[in-house]
Amino acid sequence: MEPEPETLALTGERTVPGIAEENYWFRRHEVAYEYILERCRDRAVLEAGSGEGYGANLISTVASAVTCVDYDLSAVEHTRSRYPHVTIHQANLIDLPLPDSSVDTVVNFQVIEHLWDQQAFISECLRVLRPGGELLISTPNRITFSPGRDTPLNPFHTRELDPAELRALVTASGFVVTEALGVSHGTRLREFDATWGGSFIDAQIERALSGQPWPPELTADVAAIRTADFDIDDDDLDTSLDLLFVAVKP
């Protein structure tokens, strides 16, 4: 029996599964994949910026084919080893190695905020999609992720977007936005917010930056988070944690 591939290094640039202290961020990403899963059923899907590969692996359970593109060689090699049933290419996202009109769906989750030329990337998504194909895109909401700032707090982010900015970016390339949703804390996570001084997120960040061991109670609460603890709806995009848009190529 071959050994299980090692966990991809946690650098702060992406989330990975299987780390107790990282579980909040992983589940917050994973819930978006679960939400769009049925949209990918029996479709040829491109995940642009696939990271560790866990999202592509989940999509592969319903899609007719999954192709991944990522710029980072270590992520590509890890995905190729851990998820050999998906196809992965190392390439720049503003020059996707796919023909015109070759896929039904493009998934781009928690990636656009890392890119320098966001408009060129969205235009590439339009190019590779077939008419009627969907772009499924998520990104941290600038209003709540880096409140009151033009420069992102996360050093790996180049430009964060609020709901109006994301809509403008997507439609400028010719897409039609059909759904604009937000990810927020559900009941259990709101209870954790209250338990941890008003912000469960800040409690994690403060302890991570301190370099000190986490209190066992915090580690246990973070490790217990599941995707069901997040809500996805269109109630109030400005207060959402992450944005999740569906856009169609005419």
Protein backbone atom coordinates (compact mmCIF):
# COMPACT_ATOMS: atom_id res chain seq x y z
CA MET A 1 0.00 0.00 0.00
CA GLU A 2 1.37 3.40 -0.99
CA PRO A 3 1.74 6.01 1.79
CA GLU A 4 -0.91 8.74 2.00
CA PRO A 5 0.36 11.99 0.39
CA GLU A 6 1.60 14.50 2.93
CA THR A 7 -0.53 17.49 3.90
CA LEU A 8 0.28 20.54 1.80
CA ALA A 9 2.21 23.12 3.81
CA LEU A 10 0.04 25.74 5.50
CA THR A 11 1.52 29.11 4.50
CA GLY A 12 -1.38 31.48 5.13
CA GLU A 13 -1.98 31.84 1.38
CA ARG A 14 -4.49 29.00 1.18
CA THR A 15 -6.40 26.71 3.50
CA VAL A 16 -5.89 22.95 3.74
CA PRO A 17 -7.89 20.14 5.37
CA GLY A 18 -6.85 18.08 8.35
CA ILE A 19 -5.40 20.75 10.69
CA ALA A 20 -7.42 21.37 13.86
CA GLU A 21 -6.46 25.04 14.25
CA GLU A 22 -7.20 25.72 10.56
CA ASN A 23 -10.60 24.02 10.57
CA TYR A 24 -12.68 27.21 10.80
CA TRP A 25 -11.18 28.61 7.59
CA PHE A 26 -11.30 25.26 5.83
CA ARG A 27 -15.01 24.77 6.59
CA ARG A 28 -15.75 28.36 5.60
CA HIS A 29 -14.24 27.59 2.18
CA GLU A 30 -15.72 24.10 1.93
CA VAL A 31 -19.31 25.28 2.45
CA ALA A 32 -19.20 27.16 -0.86
CA TYR A 33 -18.18 23.99 -2.71
CA GLU A 34 -21.02 22.06 -1.12
CA TYR A 35 -23.47 24.80 -2.06
CA ILE A 36 -22.60 24.75 -5.77
CA LEU A 37 -22.13 20.99 -6.11
CA GLU A 38 -25.40 20.28 -7.92
CA ARG A 39 -24.61 23.04 -10.43
CA CYS A 40 -21.58 20.99 -11.45
CA ARG A 41 -23.42 17.72 -11.96
CA ASP A 42 -22.66 16.12 -15.35
CA ARG A 43 -20.69 19.19 -16.43
CA ALA A 44 -17.14 19.72 -17.62
CA VAL A 45 -15.70 21.87 -14.84
CA LEU A 46 -12.57 23.98 -14.63
CA GLU A 47 -11.34 24.97 -11.19
CA ALA A 48 -9.16 28.01 -11.74
CA GLY A 49 -6.86 28.31 -8.74
CA SER A 50 -7.40 24.90 -7.19
CA GLY A 51 -4.95 25.12 -4.27
CA GLU A 52 -4.72 21.91 -2.27
CA GLY A 53 -7.28 20.23 -4.53
CA TYR A 54 -9.95 19.28 -1.99
CA GLY A 55 -12.58 21.35 -3.82
CA ALA A 56 -11.83 19.75 -7.18
CA ASN A 57 -11.98 16.36 -5.52
CA LEU A 58 -15.46 17.09 -4.17
CA ILE A 59 -16.65 18.42 -7.54
CA SER A 60 -15.33 15.29 -9.24
CA THR A 61 -17.96 13.23 -7.42
CA VAL A 62 -20.69 14.77 -9.62
CA ALA A 63 -19.00 16.36 -12.66
CA SER A 64 -18.37 14.63 -15.97
CA ALA A 65 -14.78 15.92 -15.93
CA VAL A 66 -12.69 18.20 -13.71
CA THR A 67 -9.66 20.17 -14.85
CA CYS A 68 -7.59 22.22 -12.42
CA VAL A 69 -5.20 25.08 -13.06
CA ASP A 70 -2.91 26.51 -10.39
CA TYR A 71 0.21 28.64 -10.56
CA ASP A 72 1.97 27.13 -7.54
CA LEU A 73 4.11 24.10 -8.40
CA SER A 74 3.93 22.59 -4.90
CA ALA A 75 0.12 22.73 -5.01
CA VAL A 76 0.05 21.17 -8.48
CA GLU A 77 2.33 18.32 -7.45
CA HIS A 78 0.33 17.73 -4.27
CA THR A 79 -2.99 17.65 -6.14
CA ARG A 80 -1.57 15.31 -8.77
CA SER A 81 -0.42 12.93 -6.03
CA ARG A 82 -3.41 13.12 -3.68
CA TYR A 83 -6.21 13.41 -6.25
CA PRO A 84 -4.94 11.57 -9.35
CA HIS A 85 -8.43 11.31 -10.86
CA VAL A 86 -8.52 15.04 -11.67
CA THR A 87 -6.47 16.68 -14.43
CA ILE A 88 -4.22 19.52 -13.30
CA HIS A 89 -2.02 22.01 -15.14
CA GLN A 90 0.49 24.49 -13.82
CA ALA A 91 -0.23 27.78 -15.54
CA ASN A 92 -0.98 31.46 -15.06
CA LEU A 93 -4.69 32.12 -14.58
CA ILE A 94 -4.65 35.00 -17.05
CA ASP A 95 -3.48 32.56 -19.75
CA LEU A 96 -5.55 29.43 -19.18
CA PRO A 97 -4.28 26.36 -21.10
CA LEU A 98 -7.74 25.47 -22.45
CA PRO A 99 -9.39 26.03 -25.85
CA ASP A 100 -12.18 28.53 -26.41
CA SER A 101 -15.65 27.38 -25.35
CA SER A 102 -14.36 24.12 -23.88
CA VAL A 103 -15.96 23.91 -20.40
CA ASP A 104 -19.45 24.25 -18.93
CA THR A 105 -18.50 25.69 -15.54
CA VAL A 106 -15.60 27.65 -14.07
CA VAL A 107 -15.15 27.54 -10.30
CA ASN A 108 -12.95 30.24 -8.77
CA PHE A 109 -13.15 30.24 -4.99
CA GLN A 110 -11.08 32.50 -2.75
CA VAL A 111 -8.61 33.28 -5.54
CA ILE A 112 -9.55 36.52 -7.33
CA GLU A 113 -8.28 38.58 -4.37
CA HIS A 114 -4.79 37.13 -4.94
CA LEU A 115 -4.55 38.19 -8.60
CA TRP A 116 -2.88 41.32 -9.95
CA ASP A 117 -4.84 41.45 -13.21
CA GLN A 118 -8.34 40.51 -12.12
CA GLN A 119 -10.07 41.75 -15.27
CA ALA A 120 -7.80 39.73 -17.56
CA PHE A 121 -8.62 36.61 -15.56
CA ILE A 122 -12.38 37.15 -15.75
CA SER A 123 -12.05 37.63 -19.50
CA GLU A 124 -10.20 34.30 -19.71
CA CYS A 125 -13.07 32.63 -17.86
CA LEU A 126 -15.48 34.04 -20.44
CA ARG A 127 -13.27 32.74 -23.26
CA VAL A 128 -13.08 29.12 -22.07
CA LEU A 129 -16.77 28.84 -21.15
CA ARG A 130 -19.37 27.61 -23.61
CA PRO A 131 -22.37 29.92 -24.22
CA GLY A 132 -24.72 29.51 -21.28
CA GLY A 133 -21.84 28.33 -19.09
CA GLU A 134 -21.49 29.51 -15.50
CA LEU A 135 -18.75 31.27 -13.57
CA LEU A 136 -19.01 30.45 -9.85
CA ILE A 137 -16.83 32.85 -7.90
CA SER A 138 -16.25 33.51 -4.20
CA THR A 139 -14.03 36.01 -2.44
CA PRO A 140 -13.74 37.63 1.00
CA ASN A 141 -16.03 40.63 1.37
CA ARG A 142 -13.70 43.63 1.65
CA ILE A 143 -16.17 45.46 3.90
CA THR A 144 -15.90 42.86 6.66
CA PHE A 145 -12.52 41.25 5.89
CA SER A 146 -10.42 44.46 5.86
CA PRO A 147 -12.86 47.01 7.30
CA GLY A 148 -12.07 50.64 6.61
CA ARG A 149 -8.96 49.82 4.57
CA ASP A 150 -7.96 50.08 0.93
CA THR A 151 -4.92 47.85 1.54
CA PRO A 152 -5.82 44.25 2.45
CA LEU A 153 -4.89 43.00 5.91
CA ASN A 154 -3.87 39.65 4.43
CA PRO A 155 -0.38 40.06 2.90
CA PHE A 156 -1.22 37.49 0.21
CA HIS A 157 -4.12 39.56 -1.13
CA THR A 158 -3.60 42.15 -3.84
CA ARG A 159 -7.10 43.63 -4.08
CA GLU A 160 -10.22 42.71 -2.15
CA LEU A 161 -13.72 43.47 -3.42
CA ASP A 162 -17.05 44.52 -1.98
CA PRO A 163 -20.32 43.30 -3.53
CA ALA A 164 -20.67 46.22 -5.98
CA GLU A 165 -17.02 45.93 -7.04
CA LEU A 166 -17.30 42.19 -7.68
CA ARG A 167 -20.45 42.69 -9.74
CA ALA A 168 -18.78 45.45 -11.78
CA LEU A 169 -15.69 43.33 -12.38
CA VAL A 170 -17.68 40.33 -13.61
CA THR A 171 -20.13 42.24 -15.79
CA ALA A 172 -17.38 44.35 -17.39
CA SER A 173 -16.18 41.23 -19.22
CA GLY A 174 -19.64 40.39 -20.53
CA PHE A 175 -21.05 38.07 -17.87
CA VAL A 176 -24.58 38.38 -16.52
CA VAL A 177 -24.82 37.97 -12.73
CA THR A 178 -27.75 35.69 -11.89
CA GLU A 179 -27.17 35.18 -8.15
CA ALA A 180 -25.38 37.33 -5.58
CA LEU A 181 -25.01 35.57 -2.24
CA GLY A 182 -23.09 35.93 0.99
CA VAL A 183 -21.57 33.50 3.50
CA SER A 184 -22.22 34.33 7.16
CA HIS A 185 -22.13 32.76 10.61
CA GLY A 186 -25.03 30.53 11.52
CA THR A 187 -26.49 30.11 15.02
CA ARG A 188 -23.65 28.04 16.49
CA LEU A 189 -20.93 30.35 15.21
CA ARG A 190 -22.77 33.39 16.52
CA GLU A 191 -22.75 31.68 19.90
CA PHE A 192 -18.99 31.19 19.56
CA ASP A 193 -18.66 34.89 18.71
CA ALA A 194 -20.30 35.71 22.02
CA THR A 195 -18.18 33.16 23.91
CA TRP A 196 -14.91 34.50 22.53
CA GLY A 197 -15.25 38.18 23.28
CA GLY A 198 -17.50 39.18 20.41
CA SER A 199 -15.53 37.72 17.50
CA PHE A 200 -14.60 34.08 17.06
CA ILE A 201 -12.44 35.11 14.09
CA ASP A 202 -10.48 37.71 16.07
CA ALA A 203 -9.92 35.23 18.89
CA GLN A 204 -8.22 32.86 16.45
CA ILE A 205 -6.16 35.54 14.74
CA GLU A 206 -4.94 37.07 18.00
CA ARG A 207 -3.73 33.72 19.31
CA ALA A 208 -2.16 32.76 15.99
CA LEU A 209 -0.20 36.03 15.89
CA SER A 210 0.91 35.68 19.52
CA GLY A 211 2.96 32.57 18.72
CA GLN A 212 1.76 30.99 21.95
CA PRO A 213 -0.04 27.64 22.21
CA TRP A 214 -3.79 27.92 21.78
CA PRO A 215 -6.02 27.33 24.81
CA PRO A 216 -7.45 23.81 24.56
CA GLU A 217 -10.98 25.26 24.65
CA LEU A 218 -10.34 27.38 21.54
CA THR A 219 -8.74 24.51 19.64
CA ALA A 220 -11.69 22.28 20.52
CA ASP A 221 -14.24 24.87 19.37
CA VAL A 222 -12.40 25.47 16.09
CA ALA A 223 -11.96 21.75 15.42
CA ALA A 224 -15.68 21.15 15.97
CA ILE A 225 -16.83 23.56 13.22
CA ARG A 226 -18.73 22.04 10.30
CA THR A 227 -20.04 23.52 7.06
CA ALA A 228 -23.57 23.43 8.51
CA ASP A 229 -22.49 26.16 10.94
CA PHE A 230 -22.40 28.69 8.07
CA ASP A 231 -25.33 30.26 6.25
CA ILE A 232 -25.42 31.18 2.54
CA ASP A 233 -28.16 33.59 1.45
CA ASP A 234 -28.83 36.96 -0.17
CA ASP A 235 -30.12 38.72 2.95
CA ASP A 236 -27.43 41.39 3.46
CA LEU A 237 -24.37 41.15 1.25
CA ASP A 238 -22.60 44.11 2.87
CA THR A 239 -22.41 42.31 6.24
CA SER A 240 -21.49 38.91 4.80
CA LEU A 241 -18.08 37.36 5.40
CA ASP A 242 -17.54 36.02 1.88
CA LEU A 243 -19.26 36.77 -1.42
CA LEU A 244 -20.51 33.99 -3.70
CA PHE A 245 -21.67 35.05 -7.16
CA VAL A 246 -23.09 33.04 -10.04
CA ALA A 247 -22.59 34.59 -13.49
CA VAL A 248 -23.58 33.30 -16.92
CA LYS A 249 -21.89 33.68 -20.29
CA PRO A 250 -24.62 34.86 -22.73
